[in-house]
Structures are given as structure tokens and as C-alpha cells.
Amino acid sequence: MRPGPGRCVLTDKREQGEFSHLDAQGRARMVDVGAKTPTRRRAVAECWVDLGPQLCARIQEGDLPKGDVLAVARIAGIQAAKRTPELIPLCHGLPLDQVRIELEVRPGEGKVRIETEASCTAKTGVEMEALTAASVAALALYDMCKGVRKGIRIEGLRLLRKEGGRSGTWTADGGE
């Protein structure tokens, strides 16, 4: 049988990696985590918004028509983490204990660094919540600043660290 639209046939899981969100026929499915034991989970992600030095200086001075753009981006990131399963189809809804959003304006580089952290005690990880928070915080910052500068770029969305669960701790600096 040939794979149709939206289908993938796996021939050797060892060679291609274990895809837990695909069934034996290659169809998307939500992973059953019912038998897993809840553990403390934590994930940290980052994203960069390239705004240019002049716009970064204006953000630090609070001199933008839409007000405190960093506060809006922070709230957007927190809301996004809470709504991750509505945005990412196969994500489980998690009882988040905490979401932290840090925005660091770096005028010399012309960028804002966004770091997010999500944590909970659950049967599955919070990586998607941290990544969603970072990406939506970046999008909100873009939206708040696009009237002042058109060439804004969102870059470098990535997971920095995850803790908990069967695989334990992973850091971006530690490799795959």
C-alpha cells in the first residue's frame, strides 16, 4: 500500500527513530500516557527577535506608540503556554504550575532575547509549552513593533533544556 496524503509508512523504526505519534500504519495519533507515572517536568526555550538597534533603544526608553511592548509579549507568551494543546494538535493538556517569560533587550545587537520556562508535575513533558510561549511572545513583540519597522525577523527558536520523565535531563549544549 502506498502512503497517501498525510500518511507515512515506516519500514524500520530503529533506522528512522521511534515516532510515538504515529501508529503502525503511519497515521497520526495521540500518545497514550495513561500508564506513566507523573514526575516533575521543566523545560526552557529561547527565541530572538531582530528589531535593529534604534527600535531596541526606543523599547528601552518606553517610546513606542503601543506602550509597554515587553509586557504585552510576556502576557502573550504566558497565555500561549496555557493554550498549547489548542494550537498543537497532538499535545496533551498539562496542569502547568509555572510559566516564566524573560525578555532581554540588547540594543547593541539590535535584538531582544526571549527565554521561557514551563514546569508541571505530569505524565508527559512541557517542551511544547515552553517553545509555544517563546514563539508567541516573539510574535506579539513583532505585532507591537511592526508599525515602526517592517524588517523585523524572528530567529533561533529552540529548546535549551528539559528535565524530568524517563529520559531525564537534556541540554542543548549537551547534544542530541
C-alpha atoms as a PDB file:
ATOM      1  CA  MET A   1       0.000   0.000   0.000  1.00  0.00           C
ATOM      2  CA  ARG A   2       1.353   3.435  -0.947  1.00  0.00           C
ATOM      3  CA  PRO A   3       1.231   6.287   1.538  1.00  0.00           C
ATOM      4  CA  GLY A   4      -1.488   8.804   0.694  1.00  0.00           C
ATOM      5  CA  PRO A   5      -1.713  12.452   1.698  1.00  0.00           C
ATOM      6  CA  GLY A   6      -0.859  12.912   5.345  1.00  0.00           C
ATOM      7  CA  ARG A   7       0.362   9.308   5.719  1.00  0.00           C
ATOM      8  CA  CYS A   8       3.785   7.875   6.293  1.00  0.00           C
ATOM      9  CA  VAL A   9       4.780   4.227   6.187  1.00  0.00           C
ATOM     10  CA  LEU A  10       7.678   3.321   8.455  1.00  0.00           C
ATOM     11  CA  THR A  11       9.739   0.320   7.481  1.00  0.00           C
ATOM     12  CA  ASP A  12      12.444   0.313  10.140  1.00  0.00           C
ATOM     13  CA  LYS A  13      11.794   2.265  13.331  1.00  0.00           C
ATOM     14  CA  ARG A  14      15.349   1.692  14.551  1.00  0.00           C
ATOM     15  CA  GLU A  15      16.772   3.324  11.439  1.00  0.00           C
ATOM     16  CA  GLN A  16      14.313   6.246  11.337  1.00  0.00           C
ATOM     17  CA  GLY A  17      13.851   6.789  15.079  1.00  0.00           C
ATOM     18  CA  GLU A  18      10.842   5.993  17.211  1.00  0.00           C
ATOM     19  CA  PHE A  19       7.809   8.051  16.178  1.00  0.00           C
ATOM     20  CA  SER A  20       5.424   7.716  19.101  1.00  0.00           C
ATOM     21  CA  HIS A  21       2.794   9.928  17.456  1.00  0.00           C
ATOM     22  CA  LEU A  22       2.358   7.513  14.525  1.00  0.00           C
ATOM     23  CA  ASP A  23       0.560   4.192  14.585  1.00  0.00           C
ATOM     24  CA  ALA A  24       1.747   1.076  12.712  1.00  0.00           C
ATOM     25  CA  GLN A  25       0.112   2.366   9.513  1.00  0.00           C
ATOM     26  CA  GLY A  26       1.803   5.759   9.796  1.00  0.00           C
ATOM     27  CA  ARG A  27      -1.343   7.626  10.866  1.00  0.00           C
ATOM     28  CA  ALA A  28      -1.140  10.414  13.446  1.00  0.00           C
ATOM     29  CA  ARG A  29      -2.373   9.514  16.911  1.00  0.00           C
ATOM     30  CA  MET A  30      -2.271  10.966  20.384  1.00  0.00           C
ATOM     31  CA  VAL A  31       0.153   9.021  22.562  1.00  0.00           C
ATOM     32  CA  ASP A  32      -1.384   7.072  25.457  1.00  0.00           C
ATOM     33  CA  VAL A  33       0.367   8.268  28.619  1.00  0.00           C
ATOM     34  CA  GLY A  34      -2.139   6.659  30.982  1.00  0.00           C
ATOM     35  CA  ALA A  35       0.284   4.094  32.425  1.00  0.00           C
ATOM     36  CA  LYS A  36       3.096   6.602  33.009  1.00  0.00           C
ATOM     37  CA  THR A  37       3.883   7.898  36.474  1.00  0.00           C
ATOM     38  CA  PRO A  38       3.652  11.683  36.908  1.00  0.00           C
ATOM     39  CA  THR A  39       7.041  13.302  37.504  1.00  0.00           C
ATOM     40  CA  ARG A  40       8.256  16.862  37.900  1.00  0.00           C
ATOM     41  CA  ARG A  41       8.825  18.333  34.409  1.00  0.00           C
ATOM     42  CA  ARG A  42      10.609  21.525  33.390  1.00  0.00           C
ATOM     43  CA  ALA A  43      11.550  22.951  30.004  1.00  0.00           C
ATOM     44  CA  VAL A  44      13.401  26.106  28.949  1.00  0.00           C
ATOM     45  CA  ALA A  45      13.288  27.573  25.441  1.00  0.00           C
ATOM     46  CA  GLU A  46      14.613  30.679  23.714  1.00  0.00           C
ATOM     47  CA  CYS A  47      13.866  32.813  20.703  1.00  0.00           C
ATOM     48  CA  TRP A  48      15.385  36.007  19.308  1.00  0.00           C
ATOM     49  CA  VAL A  49      13.657  38.993  17.714  1.00  0.00           C
ATOM     50  CA  ASP A  50      15.898  41.116  15.487  1.00  0.00           C
ATOM     51  CA  LEU A  51      14.451  44.622  15.718  1.00  0.00           C
ATOM     52  CA  GLY A  52      17.521  46.734  14.951  1.00  0.00           C
ATOM     53  CA  PRO A  53      19.387  49.000  17.384  1.00  0.00           C
ATOM     54  CA  GLN A  54      17.116  52.046  17.010  1.00  0.00           C
ATOM     55  CA  LEU A  55      13.921  50.166  17.771  1.00  0.00           C
ATOM     56  CA  CYS A  56      15.567  48.372  20.711  1.00  0.00           C
ATOM     57  CA  ALA A  57      16.590  51.752  22.134  1.00  0.00           C
ATOM     58  CA  ARG A  58      13.017  53.009  21.776  1.00  0.00           C
ATOM     59  CA  ILE A  59      11.716  49.928  23.597  1.00  0.00           C
ATOM     60  CA  GLN A  60      14.111  50.586  26.490  1.00  0.00           C
ATOM     61  CA  GLU A  61      13.031  54.235  26.599  1.00  0.00           C
ATOM     62  CA  GLY A  62       9.338  53.269  26.530  1.00  0.00           C
ATOM     63  CA  ASP A  63       8.930  55.398  23.421  1.00  0.00           C
ATOM     64  CA  LEU A  64       6.568  53.327  21.267  1.00  0.00           C
ATOM     65  CA  PRO A  65       3.027  54.211  20.200  1.00  0.00           C
ATOM     66  CA  LYS A  66       1.578  50.929  21.513  1.00  0.00           C
ATOM     67  CA  GLY A  67       3.029  51.315  25.018  1.00  0.00           C
ATOM     68  CA  ASP A  68       4.895  48.646  27.000  1.00  0.00           C
ATOM     69  CA  VAL A  69       5.543  46.118  24.254  1.00  0.00           C
ATOM     70  CA  LEU A  70       7.553  43.843  26.559  1.00  0.00           C
ATOM     71  CA  ALA A  71       4.641  43.481  28.991  1.00  0.00           C
ATOM     72  CA  VAL A  72       2.301  42.567  26.146  1.00  0.00           C
ATOM     73  CA  ALA A  73       4.775  39.990  24.795  1.00  0.00           C
ATOM     74  CA  ARG A  74       5.181  38.488  28.289  1.00  0.00           C
ATOM     75  CA  ILE A  75       1.415  38.090  28.781  1.00  0.00           C
ATOM     76  CA  ALA A  76       1.009  36.670  25.258  1.00  0.00           C
ATOM     77  CA  GLY A  77       3.683  34.063  25.969  1.00  0.00           C
ATOM     78  CA  ILE A  78       2.045  33.003  29.235  1.00  0.00           C
ATOM     79  CA  GLN A  79      -1.374  32.729  27.588  1.00  0.00           C
ATOM     80  CA  ALA A  80       0.095  30.719  24.709  1.00  0.00           C
ATOM     81  CA  ALA A  81       1.738  28.194  27.055  1.00  0.00           C
ATOM     82  CA  LYS A  82      -1.628  27.634  28.738  1.00  0.00           C
ATOM     83  CA  ARG A  83      -3.311  27.068  25.353  1.00  0.00           C
ATOM     84  CA  THR A  84      -0.652  24.884  23.709  1.00  0.00           C
ATOM     85  CA  PRO A  85      -2.918  21.831  23.219  1.00  0.00           C
ATOM     86  CA  GLU A  86      -5.350  24.021  21.262  1.00  0.00           C
ATOM     87  CA  LEU A  87      -2.543  25.088  18.906  1.00  0.00           C
ATOM     88  CA  ILE A  88      -0.507  21.874  18.571  1.00  0.00           C
ATOM     89  CA  PRO A  89      -2.933  19.087  17.606  1.00  0.00           C
ATOM     90  CA  LEU A  90      -1.458  16.068  19.433  1.00  0.00           C
ATOM     91  CA  CYS A  91      -0.287  17.779  22.634  1.00  0.00           C
ATOM     92  CA  HIS A  92      -1.775  16.676  25.918  1.00  0.00           C
ATOM     93  CA  GLY A  93      -3.282  19.363  28.121  1.00  0.00           C
ATOM     94  CA  LEU A  94      -0.971  19.818  31.097  1.00  0.00           C
ATOM     95  CA  PRO A  95      -1.626  21.293  34.553  1.00  0.00           C
ATOM     96  CA  LEU A  96       1.048  23.979  34.379  1.00  0.00           C
ATOM     97  CA  ASP A  97       2.467  25.010  37.724  1.00  0.00           C
ATOM     98  CA  GLN A  98       4.503  27.902  36.393  1.00  0.00           C
ATOM     99  CA  VAL A  99       5.340  29.778  33.199  1.00  0.00           C
ATOM    100  CA  ARG A 100       8.166  32.312  33.194  1.00  0.00           C
ATOM    101  CA  ILE A 101       8.918  34.708  30.345  1.00  0.00           C
ATOM    102  CA  GLU A 102      12.074  36.843  30.368  1.00  0.00           C
ATOM    103  CA  LEU A 103      12.678  39.458  27.679  1.00  0.00           C
ATOM    104  CA  GLU A 104      16.167  40.935  27.494  1.00  0.00           C
ATOM    105  CA  VAL A 105      16.642  43.966  25.259  1.00  0.00           C
ATOM    106  CA  ARG A 106      20.120  44.078  23.734  1.00  0.00           C
ATOM    107  CA  PRO A 107      20.370  47.421  21.887  1.00  0.00           C
ATOM    108  CA  GLY A 108      24.000  46.851  20.875  1.00  0.00           C
ATOM    109  CA  GLU A 109      22.934  43.742  18.963  1.00  0.00           C
ATOM    110  CA  GLY A 110      19.601  45.201  17.912  1.00  0.00           C
ATOM    111  CA  LYS A 111      17.806  42.172  19.340  1.00  0.00           C
ATOM    112  CA  VAL A 112      15.503  41.027  22.100  1.00  0.00           C
ATOM    113  CA  ARG A 113      16.224  37.617  23.601  1.00  0.00           C
ATOM    114  CA  ILE A 114      13.192  35.773  24.884  1.00  0.00           C
ATOM    115  CA  GLU A 115      13.677  32.955  27.373  1.00  0.00           C
ATOM    116  CA  THR A 116      10.727  30.929  28.580  1.00  0.00           C
ATOM    117  CA  GLU A 117      10.314  28.262  31.208  1.00  0.00           C
ATOM    118  CA  ALA A 118       7.355  25.990  31.845  1.00  0.00           C
ATOM    119  CA  SER A 119       7.002  23.481  34.661  1.00  0.00           C
ATOM    120  CA  CYS A 120       4.471  20.998  35.983  1.00  0.00           C
ATOM    121  CA  THR A 121       4.066  17.572  37.503  1.00  0.00           C
ATOM    122  CA  ALA A 122       2.647  15.367  34.776  1.00  0.00           C
ATOM    123  CA  LYS A 123       2.957  12.186  32.701  1.00  0.00           C
ATOM    124  CA  THR A 124       4.477  13.950  29.692  1.00  0.00           C
ATOM    125  CA  GLY A 125       6.916  16.797  29.095  1.00  0.00           C
ATOM    126  CA  VAL A 126       6.377  20.557  28.867  1.00  0.00           C
ATOM    127  CA  GLU A 127       8.763  21.235  25.963  1.00  0.00           C
ATOM    128  CA  MET A 128       5.953  22.290  23.624  1.00  0.00           C
ATOM    129  CA  GLU A 129       4.569  24.719  26.207  1.00  0.00           C
ATOM    130  CA  ALA A 130       7.960  26.424  26.611  1.00  0.00           C
ATOM    131  CA  LEU A 131       8.503  26.568  22.830  1.00  0.00           C
ATOM    132  CA  THR A 132       4.972  27.839  22.175  1.00  0.00           C
ATOM    133  CA  ALA A 133       5.403  30.528  24.835  1.00  0.00           C
ATOM    134  CA  ALA A 134       8.657  31.723  23.237  1.00  0.00           C
ATOM    135  CA  SER A 135       7.246  31.774  19.715  1.00  0.00           C
ATOM    136  CA  VAL A 136       4.036  33.608  20.624  1.00  0.00           C
ATOM    137  CA  ALA A 137       5.908  36.125  22.801  1.00  0.00           C
ATOM    138  CA  ALA A 138       8.095  36.817  19.737  1.00  0.00           C
ATOM    139  CA  LEU A 139       5.036  37.156  17.501  1.00  0.00           C
ATOM    140  CA  ALA A 140       3.404  39.567  19.944  1.00  0.00           C
ATOM    141  CA  LEU A 141       6.583  41.664  20.045  1.00  0.00           C
ATOM    142  CA  TYR A 142       6.599  41.676  16.236  1.00  0.00           C
ATOM    143  CA  ASP A 143       2.957  42.759  16.173  1.00  0.00           C
ATOM    144  CA  MET A 144       3.547  45.576  18.653  1.00  0.00           C
ATOM    145  CA  CYS A 145       6.551  46.917  16.702  1.00  0.00           C
ATOM    146  CA  LYS A 146       5.669  46.324  13.040  1.00  0.00           C
ATOM    147  CA  GLY A 147       4.231  49.814  12.635  1.00  0.00           C
ATOM    148  CA  VAL A 148       7.622  51.307  13.478  1.00  0.00           C
ATOM    149  CA  ARG A 149       9.854  48.928  11.487  1.00  0.00           C
ATOM    150  CA  LYS A 150       8.914  46.472   8.755  1.00  0.00           C
ATOM    151  CA  GLY A 151      12.093  44.359   8.565  1.00  0.00           C
ATOM    152  CA  ILE A 152      11.734  42.578  11.914  1.00  0.00           C
ATOM    153  CA  ARG A 153      12.962  38.970  11.993  1.00  0.00           C
ATOM    154  CA  ILE A 154      12.150  36.185  14.424  1.00  0.00           C
ATOM    155  CA  GLU A 155      15.067  33.775  14.746  1.00  0.00           C
ATOM    156  CA  GLY A 156      16.547  30.884  16.665  1.00  0.00           C
ATOM    157  CA  LEU A 157      13.550  29.257  18.334  1.00  0.00           C
ATOM    158  CA  ARG A 158      14.933  26.258  20.205  1.00  0.00           C
ATOM    159  CA  LEU A 159      14.705  24.138  23.303  1.00  0.00           C
ATOM    160  CA  LEU A 160      17.561  24.875  25.722  1.00  0.00           C
ATOM    161  CA  ARG A 161      16.819  22.355  28.471  1.00  0.00           C
ATOM    162  CA  LYS A 162      14.315  19.743  29.547  1.00  0.00           C
ATOM    163  CA  GLU A 163      14.129  17.933  32.866  1.00  0.00           C
ATOM    164  CA  GLY A 164      12.083  15.023  34.125  1.00  0.00           C
ATOM    165  CA  GLY A 165      10.496  11.939  32.743  1.00  0.00           C
ATOM    166  CA  ARG A 166      12.083   8.719  31.559  1.00  0.00           C
ATOM    167  CA  SER A 167      14.833  10.426  29.543  1.00  0.00           C
ATOM    168  CA  GLY A 168      15.897  12.656  32.436  1.00  0.00           C
ATOM    169  CA  THR A 169      17.740  15.907  31.758  1.00  0.00           C
ATOM    170  CA  TRP A 170      18.727  17.126  28.301  1.00  0.00           C
ATOM    171  CA  THR A 171      20.524  20.373  27.452  1.00  0.00           C
ATOM    172  CA  ALA A 172      21.127  21.939  24.060  1.00  0.00           C
ATOM    173  CA  ASP A 173      24.832  22.229  24.819  1.00  0.00           C
ATOM    174  CA  GLY A 174      24.946  18.508  25.636  1.00  0.00           C
ATOM    175  CA  GLY A 175      23.975  17.478  22.103  1.00  0.00           C
ATOM    176  CA  GLU A 176      21.327  15.060  20.941  1.00  0.00           C
END
